[in-house]
Amino acid sequence: MSPNTYPAPIYQALYTDEEGQLIGLDEVQLLDPVPSGRIPDLLPLLAADDLYLAYQAGLVLAAWGIEPGVAYLRHLVAIRIDKTAELAPSRLTGEDNVYDIIGEALGLAVLSGYDEDEITSSLTSVLGLYGECFFEGKLKSMLLQLNLPGLLPAVKQAVKLALEHGRYYQASQLLPVLAMYDRPYALSQAGLFEDLTAQDARIAYNLAEMREHA
């Protein structure tokens, strides 16, 4: 089902602000205060036959710190939904960016007051896919807004996994996050990534950002 054909209450719950103006799914996740009146319309959608509809509802509910939404996103990660469906193809590469987007929504849950230990566990699972799967940069930006030092081992491992899979720029995205939690370790990786700028000049931007956080 195309979003344009969703019933009005669903369309409004997913895509509009409190004045009924179209703002899009990303901005709805950021609504503050959380429009609690929408939650009863969104919760049943987690069981929808339309996977894309359920996924969108999960993103919004998780970002608002609503437990069933967080649980649904954890489920999508656990079953490796990218193996059976394409939910968020990147406009840049065509690769599925689904886990990057899920990671962002899970991070927003923390900002909405959700249990940090549970989200740390959830984000650890997401970071475990950082080498095999595509991450455009939403997760990196979200991690820079959080203070979850328990993620440090997973972030270090994610960088290694991305390097092993030849995703050099993607690996470099996490350098500023590393610098937040372990400055000496982050700086120790600088030489490796400076050498890799010959393969992808964009890495230099992440190196500069790393030094700002170090």
C-alpha atoms as a PDB file:
ATOM      1  CA  MET A   1       0.000   0.000   0.000  1.00  0.00           C
ATOM      2  CA  SER A   2       1.340   3.404  -0.965  1.00  0.00           C
ATOM      3  CA  PRO A   3       1.471   6.007   1.828  1.00  0.00           C
ATOM      4  CA  ASN A   4      -0.787   8.206  -0.308  1.00  0.00           C
ATOM      5  CA  THR A   5      -3.532   5.594   0.047  1.00  0.00           C
ATOM      6  CA  TYR A   6      -3.301   5.204   3.834  1.00  0.00           C
ATOM      7  CA  PRO A   7      -6.486   6.052   5.745  1.00  0.00           C
ATOM      8  CA  ALA A   8      -6.442   9.657   6.954  1.00  0.00           C
ATOM      9  CA  PRO A   9      -5.843   8.866  10.668  1.00  0.00           C
ATOM     10  CA  ILE A  10      -2.812   6.728   9.800  1.00  0.00           C
ATOM     11  CA  TYR A  11      -1.420   9.241   7.316  1.00  0.00           C
ATOM     12  CA  GLN A  12      -1.799  12.053   9.823  1.00  0.00           C
ATOM     13  CA  ALA A  13      -0.252  10.036  12.656  1.00  0.00           C
ATOM     14  CA  LEU A  14       2.833   9.218  10.594  1.00  0.00           C
ATOM     15  CA  TYR A  15       3.443  12.350   8.567  1.00  0.00           C
ATOM     16  CA  THR A  16       1.883  15.530  10.007  1.00  0.00           C
ATOM     17  CA  ASP A  17       2.502  17.948  12.840  1.00  0.00           C
ATOM     18  CA  GLU A  18      -0.061  18.882  15.457  1.00  0.00           C
ATOM     19  CA  GLU A  19      -1.568  21.496  13.113  1.00  0.00           C
ATOM     20  CA  GLY A  20      -2.068  18.884  10.419  1.00  0.00           C
ATOM     21  CA  GLN A  21       0.755  20.181   8.226  1.00  0.00           C
ATOM     22  CA  LEU A  22       2.780  17.607   6.311  1.00  0.00           C
ATOM     23  CA  ILE A  23       6.277  17.355   7.842  1.00  0.00           C
ATOM     24  CA  GLY A  24       7.303  13.776   7.028  1.00  0.00           C
ATOM     25  CA  LEU A  25       8.213  10.691   9.013  1.00  0.00           C
ATOM     26  CA  ASP A  26      11.612  11.957  10.185  1.00  0.00           C
ATOM     27  CA  GLU A  27      10.185  15.117  11.707  1.00  0.00           C
ATOM     28  CA  VAL A  28       7.274  13.268  13.318  1.00  0.00           C
ATOM     29  CA  GLN A  29       9.821  11.208  15.245  1.00  0.00           C
ATOM     30  CA  LEU A  30      11.159  14.471  16.694  1.00  0.00           C
ATOM     31  CA  LEU A  31       7.830  15.917  17.861  1.00  0.00           C
ATOM     32  CA  ASP A  32       8.135  17.260  21.399  1.00  0.00           C
ATOM     33  CA  PRO A  33       6.107  16.815  23.439  1.00  0.00           C
ATOM     34  CA  VAL A  34       5.145  13.384  22.148  1.00  0.00           C
ATOM     35  CA  PRO A  35       1.619  13.567  20.707  1.00  0.00           C
ATOM     36  CA  SER A  36       0.276  10.805  22.920  1.00  0.00           C
ATOM     37  CA  GLY A  37      -3.107  10.898  21.248  1.00  0.00           C
ATOM     38  CA  ARG A  38      -1.569   9.250  18.181  1.00  0.00           C
ATOM     39  CA  ILE A  39      -0.224   6.240  20.041  1.00  0.00           C
ATOM     40  CA  PRO A  40      -3.506   4.241  19.982  1.00  0.00           C
ATOM     41  CA  ASP A  41      -3.624   4.666  16.187  1.00  0.00           C
ATOM     42  CA  LEU A  42      -0.009   3.579  15.738  1.00  0.00           C
ATOM     43  CA  LEU A  43       0.253   0.574  18.057  1.00  0.00           C
ATOM     44  CA  PRO A  44      -2.010  -1.740  15.986  1.00  0.00           C
ATOM     45  CA  LEU A  45       0.066  -0.977  12.895  1.00  0.00           C
ATOM     46  CA  LEU A  46       2.978  -2.972  14.321  1.00  0.00           C
ATOM     47  CA  ALA A  47       0.980  -6.082  13.383  1.00  0.00           C
ATOM     48  CA  ALA A  48       0.003  -4.817   9.920  1.00  0.00           C
ATOM     49  CA  ASP A  49       0.382  -7.116   6.924  1.00  0.00           C
ATOM     50  CA  ASP A  50       2.009  -4.178   5.151  1.00  0.00           C
ATOM     51  CA  LEU A  51       5.604  -4.515   6.376  1.00  0.00           C
ATOM     52  CA  TYR A  52       6.574  -0.996   5.335  1.00  0.00           C
ATOM     53  CA  LEU A  53       3.649   0.444   7.270  1.00  0.00           C
ATOM     54  CA  ALA A  54       4.566  -1.584  10.357  1.00  0.00           C
ATOM     55  CA  TYR A  55       8.194  -0.487  10.034  1.00  0.00           C
ATOM     56  CA  GLN A  56       7.249   3.181   9.894  1.00  0.00           C
ATOM     57  CA  ALA A  57       5.003   2.840  12.933  1.00  0.00           C
ATOM     58  CA  GLY A  58       7.849   1.096  14.749  1.00  0.00           C
ATOM     59  CA  LEU A  59      10.235   3.950  13.978  1.00  0.00           C
ATOM     60  CA  VAL A  60       7.859   6.591  15.285  1.00  0.00           C
ATOM     61  CA  LEU A  61       6.853   4.707  18.415  1.00  0.00           C
ATOM     62  CA  ALA A  62      10.449   3.791  19.248  1.00  0.00           C
ATOM     63  CA  ALA A  63      11.623   7.365  18.754  1.00  0.00           C
ATOM     64  CA  TRP A  64       8.911   8.482  21.173  1.00  0.00           C
ATOM     65  CA  GLY A  65      10.155   5.957  23.739  1.00  0.00           C
ATOM     66  CA  ILE A  66       7.160   3.617  23.461  1.00  0.00           C
ATOM     67  CA  GLU A  67       8.179   0.058  24.408  1.00  0.00           C
ATOM     68  CA  PRO A  68       6.311  -1.913  21.695  1.00  0.00           C
ATOM     69  CA  GLY A  69       7.991   0.247  19.051  1.00  0.00           C
ATOM     70  CA  VAL A  70      11.432  -0.429  20.498  1.00  0.00           C
ATOM     71  CA  ALA A  71      10.633  -4.141  20.690  1.00  0.00           C
ATOM     72  CA  TYR A  72       9.487  -4.176  17.067  1.00  0.00           C
ATOM     73  CA  LEU A  73      12.702  -2.582  15.837  1.00  0.00           C
ATOM     74  CA  ARG A  74      14.737  -5.030  17.914  1.00  0.00           C
ATOM     75  CA  HIS A  75      12.776  -7.812  16.216  1.00  0.00           C
ATOM     76  CA  LEU A  76      13.585  -6.495  12.741  1.00  0.00           C
ATOM     77  CA  VAL A  77      17.280  -6.470  13.611  1.00  0.00           C
ATOM     78  CA  ALA A  78      17.150  -9.947  15.149  1.00  0.00           C
ATOM     79  CA  ILE A  79      15.493 -11.525  12.101  1.00  0.00           C
ATOM     80  CA  ARG A  80      17.803  -9.658   9.676  1.00  0.00           C
ATOM     81  CA  ILE A  81      14.935  -8.062   7.812  1.00  0.00           C
ATOM     82  CA  ASP A  82      17.350  -6.894   5.112  1.00  0.00           C
ATOM     83  CA  LYS A  83      17.581 -10.510   3.942  1.00  0.00           C
ATOM     84  CA  THR A  84      13.902 -10.669   2.971  1.00  0.00           C
ATOM     85  CA  ALA A  85      12.805  -7.079   2.319  1.00  0.00           C
ATOM     86  CA  GLU A  86      14.183  -3.726   1.223  1.00  0.00           C
ATOM     87  CA  LEU A  87      12.724  -1.032   3.447  1.00  0.00           C
ATOM     88  CA  ALA A  88      15.035   1.960   3.010  1.00  0.00           C
ATOM     89  CA  PRO A  89      17.048   1.965  -0.244  1.00  0.00           C
ATOM     90  CA  SER A  90      19.625   4.736  -0.275  1.00  0.00           C
ATOM     91  CA  ARG A  91      19.195   7.407  -2.921  1.00  0.00           C
ATOM     92  CA  LEU A  92      22.988   7.523  -3.186  1.00  0.00           C
ATOM     93  CA  THR A  93      23.914   3.865  -3.575  1.00  0.00           C
ATOM     94  CA  GLY A  94      20.694   1.857  -3.758  1.00  0.00           C
ATOM     95  CA  GLU A  95      21.813  -0.203  -0.759  1.00  0.00           C
ATOM     96  CA  ASP A  96      19.331  -0.738   2.053  1.00  0.00           C
ATOM     97  CA  ASN A  97      19.909   1.833   4.804  1.00  0.00           C
ATOM     98  CA  VAL A  98      17.384   0.225   7.137  1.00  0.00           C
ATOM     99  CA  TYR A  99      19.690  -0.420  10.107  1.00  0.00           C
ATOM    100  CA  ASP A 100      21.079   3.104   9.985  1.00  0.00           C
ATOM    101  CA  ILE A 101      17.531   4.435  10.271  1.00  0.00           C
ATOM    102  CA  ILE A 102      16.593   1.912  12.963  1.00  0.00           C
ATOM    103  CA  GLY A 103      19.685   2.890  14.939  1.00  0.00           C
ATOM    104  CA  GLU A 104      18.694   6.549  14.772  1.00  0.00           C
ATOM    105  CA  ALA A 105      15.190   5.806  16.065  1.00  0.00           C
ATOM    106  CA  LEU A 106      16.573   3.701  18.918  1.00  0.00           C
ATOM    107  CA  GLY A 107      18.871   6.564  19.863  1.00  0.00           C
ATOM    108  CA  LEU A 108      15.934   8.952  19.873  1.00  0.00           C
ATOM    109  CA  ALA A 109      14.263   6.615  22.366  1.00  0.00           C
ATOM    110  CA  VAL A 110      17.019   7.476  24.853  1.00  0.00           C
ATOM    111  CA  LEU A 111      16.393  11.175  24.311  1.00  0.00           C
ATOM    112  CA  SER A 112      12.727  10.422  25.038  1.00  0.00           C
ATOM    113  CA  GLY A 113      13.700   8.927  28.396  1.00  0.00           C
ATOM    114  CA  TYR A 114      13.851   5.226  27.502  1.00  0.00           C
ATOM    115  CA  ASP A 115      16.027   2.845  29.514  1.00  0.00           C
ATOM    116  CA  GLU A 116      19.641   3.424  28.478  1.00  0.00           C
ATOM    117  CA  ASP A 117      20.819  -0.111  29.235  1.00  0.00           C
ATOM    118  CA  GLU A 118      18.191  -1.622  26.948  1.00  0.00           C
ATOM    119  CA  ILE A 119      19.012   0.771  24.141  1.00  0.00           C
ATOM    120  CA  THR A 120      22.729   0.133  24.613  1.00  0.00           C
ATOM    121  CA  SER A 121      22.002  -3.555  24.077  1.00  0.00           C
ATOM    122  CA  SER A 122      19.852  -2.793  21.032  1.00  0.00           C
ATOM    123  CA  LEU A 123      22.441  -0.499  19.472  1.00  0.00           C
ATOM    124  CA  THR A 124      25.148  -3.086  20.115  1.00  0.00           C
ATOM    125  CA  SER A 125      23.158  -5.460  17.906  1.00  0.00           C
ATOM    126  CA  VAL A 126      22.823  -2.794  15.219  1.00  0.00           C
ATOM    127  CA  LEU A 127      26.549  -2.038  15.317  1.00  0.00           C
ATOM    128  CA  GLY A 128      27.229  -5.740  14.867  1.00  0.00           C
ATOM    129  CA  LEU A 129      25.916  -5.327  11.305  1.00  0.00           C
ATOM    130  CA  TYR A 130      28.116  -2.322  10.557  1.00  0.00           C
ATOM    131  CA  GLY A 131      30.509  -4.186   8.302  1.00  0.00           C
ATOM    132  CA  GLU A 132      28.116  -6.280   6.278  1.00  0.00           C
ATOM    133  CA  CYS A 133      25.393  -3.662   5.883  1.00  0.00           C
ATOM    134  CA  PHE A 134      25.219  -0.096   4.612  1.00  0.00           C
ATOM    135  CA  PHE A 135      25.057   2.873   6.999  1.00  0.00           C
ATOM    136  CA  GLU A 136      24.698   6.289   5.421  1.00  0.00           C
ATOM    137  CA  GLY A 137      25.389   8.351   8.543  1.00  0.00           C
ATOM    138  CA  LYS A 138      22.220   8.716  10.621  1.00  0.00           C
ATOM    139  CA  LEU A 139      23.495   6.349  13.310  1.00  0.00           C
ATOM    140  CA  LYS A 140      26.802   8.227  13.546  1.00  0.00           C
ATOM    141  CA  SER A 141      25.000  11.539  13.997  1.00  0.00           C
ATOM    142  CA  MET A 142      22.742  10.073  16.655  1.00  0.00           C
ATOM    143  CA  LEU A 143      25.581   8.456  18.604  1.00  0.00           C
ATOM    144  CA  LEU A 144      27.277  11.841  18.829  1.00  0.00           C
ATOM    145  CA  GLN A 145      24.198  13.142  20.663  1.00  0.00           C
ATOM    146  CA  LEU A 146      24.165  10.348  23.235  1.00  0.00           C
ATOM    147  CA  ASN A 147      26.283   9.457  26.234  1.00  0.00           C
ATOM    148  CA  LEU A 148      26.367   5.668  26.223  1.00  0.00           C
ATOM    149  CA  PRO A 149      29.931   4.638  27.114  1.00  0.00           C
ATOM    150  CA  GLY A 150      28.826   1.018  27.273  1.00  0.00           C
ATOM    151  CA  LEU A 151      28.773   1.111  23.470  1.00  0.00           C
ATOM    152  CA  LEU A 152      32.537   1.626  23.170  1.00  0.00           C
ATOM    153  CA  PRO A 153      33.457  -2.047  22.568  1.00  0.00           C
ATOM    154  CA  ALA A 154      30.726  -2.341  19.931  1.00  0.00           C
ATOM    155  CA  VAL A 155      31.865   0.861  18.216  1.00  0.00           C
ATOM    156  CA  LYS A 156      35.468  -0.370  18.086  1.00  0.00           C
ATOM    157  CA  GLN A 157      34.307  -3.683  16.638  1.00  0.00           C
ATOM    158  CA  ALA A 158      32.061  -1.916  14.126  1.00  0.00           C
ATOM    159  CA  VAL A 159      35.017   0.061  12.782  1.00  0.00           C
ATOM    160  CA  LYS A 160      36.995  -3.158  12.348  1.00  0.00           C
ATOM    161  CA  LEU A 161      34.088  -4.893  10.611  1.00  0.00           C
ATOM    162  CA  ALA A 162      33.601  -2.023   8.185  1.00  0.00           C
ATOM    163  CA  LEU A 163      37.305  -2.029   7.330  1.00  0.00           C
ATOM    164  CA  GLU A 164      37.239  -5.786   6.756  1.00  0.00           C
ATOM    165  CA  HIS A 165      34.350  -5.332   4.316  1.00  0.00           C
ATOM    166  CA  GLY A 166      36.095  -2.537   2.442  1.00  0.00           C
ATOM    167  CA  ARG A 167      33.694   0.109   3.700  1.00  0.00           C
ATOM    168  CA  TYR A 168      36.445   2.578   4.517  1.00  0.00           C
ATOM    169  CA  TYR A 169      34.394   5.761   4.580  1.00  0.00           C
ATOM    170  CA  GLN A 170      31.702   4.054   6.629  1.00  0.00           C
ATOM    171  CA  ALA A 171      34.347   2.916   9.111  1.00  0.00           C
ATOM    172  CA  SER A 172      35.666   6.464   9.374  1.00  0.00           C
ATOM    173  CA  GLN A 173      32.208   7.777  10.272  1.00  0.00           C
ATOM    174  CA  LEU A 174      32.609   6.285  13.740  1.00  0.00           C
ATOM    175  CA  LEU A 175      35.956   7.973  14.465  1.00  0.00           C
ATOM    176  CA  PRO A 176      34.317  10.991  16.175  1.00  0.00           C
ATOM    177  CA  VAL A 177      32.244   8.599  18.296  1.00  0.00           C
ATOM    178  CA  LEU A 178      35.391   6.737  19.305  1.00  0.00           C
ATOM    179  CA  ALA A 179      37.012  10.019  20.266  1.00  0.00           C
ATOM    180  CA  MET A 180      34.141  10.811  22.626  1.00  0.00           C
ATOM    181  CA  TYR A 181      34.778   7.678  24.660  1.00  0.00           C
ATOM    182  CA  ASP A 182      38.446   6.779  24.123  1.00  0.00           C
ATOM    183  CA  ARG A 183      40.526   9.669  22.848  1.00  0.00           C
ATOM    184  CA  PRO A 184      43.909   7.862  22.803  1.00  0.00           C
ATOM    185  CA  TYR A 185      42.484   4.908  20.890  1.00  0.00           C
ATOM    186  CA  ALA A 186      40.773   7.154  18.354  1.00  0.00           C
ATOM    187  CA  LEU A 187      43.951   9.133  17.746  1.00  0.00           C
ATOM    188  CA  SER A 188      45.882   5.882  17.346  1.00  0.00           C
ATOM    189  CA  GLN A 189      43.698   5.067  14.331  1.00  0.00           C
ATOM    190  CA  ALA A 190      44.430   8.359  12.576  1.00  0.00           C
ATOM    191  CA  GLY A 191      47.405   7.109  10.576  1.00  0.00           C
ATOM    192  CA  LEU A 192      45.477   4.173   9.152  1.00  0.00           C
ATOM    193  CA  PHE A 193      42.628   6.377   8.007  1.00  0.00           C
ATOM    194  CA  GLU A 194      44.914   9.095   6.678  1.00  0.00           C
ATOM    195  CA  ASP A 195      46.366   6.458   4.352  1.00  0.00           C
ATOM    196  CA  LEU A 196      42.852   5.493   3.267  1.00  0.00           C
ATOM    197  CA  THR A 197      41.982   9.037   2.168  1.00  0.00           C
ATOM    198  CA  ALA A 198      43.707   8.178  -1.103  1.00  0.00           C
ATOM    199  CA  GLN A 199      40.830   5.765  -1.733  1.00  0.00           C
ATOM    200  CA  ASP A 200      38.042   8.018  -0.461  1.00  0.00           C
ATOM    201  CA  ALA A 201      38.719  11.700   0.144  1.00  0.00           C
ATOM    202  CA  ARG A 202      35.591  12.021   2.307  1.00  0.00           C
ATOM    203  CA  ILE A 203      37.451  10.232   5.098  1.00  0.00           C
ATOM    204  CA  ALA A 204      39.334  13.473   5.756  1.00  0.00           C
ATOM    205  CA  TYR A 205      36.130  15.106   6.995  1.00  0.00           C
ATOM    206  CA  ASN A 206      35.619  12.396   9.597  1.00  0.00           C
ATOM    207  CA  LEU A 207      39.257  12.644  10.666  1.00  0.00           C
ATOM    208  CA  ALA A 208      38.830  16.375  11.205  1.00  0.00           C
ATOM    209  CA  GLU A 209      35.639  15.812  13.170  1.00  0.00           C
ATOM    210  CA  MET A 210      37.376  13.162  15.260  1.00  0.00           C
ATOM    211  CA  ARG A 211      40.045  15.665  16.266  1.00  0.00           C
ATOM    212  CA  GLU A 212      37.335  18.136  17.286  1.00  0.00           C
ATOM    213  CA  HIS A 213      35.944  15.548  19.708  1.00  0.00           C
ATOM    214  CA  ALA A 214      39.336  14.311  20.915  1.00  0.00           C
END
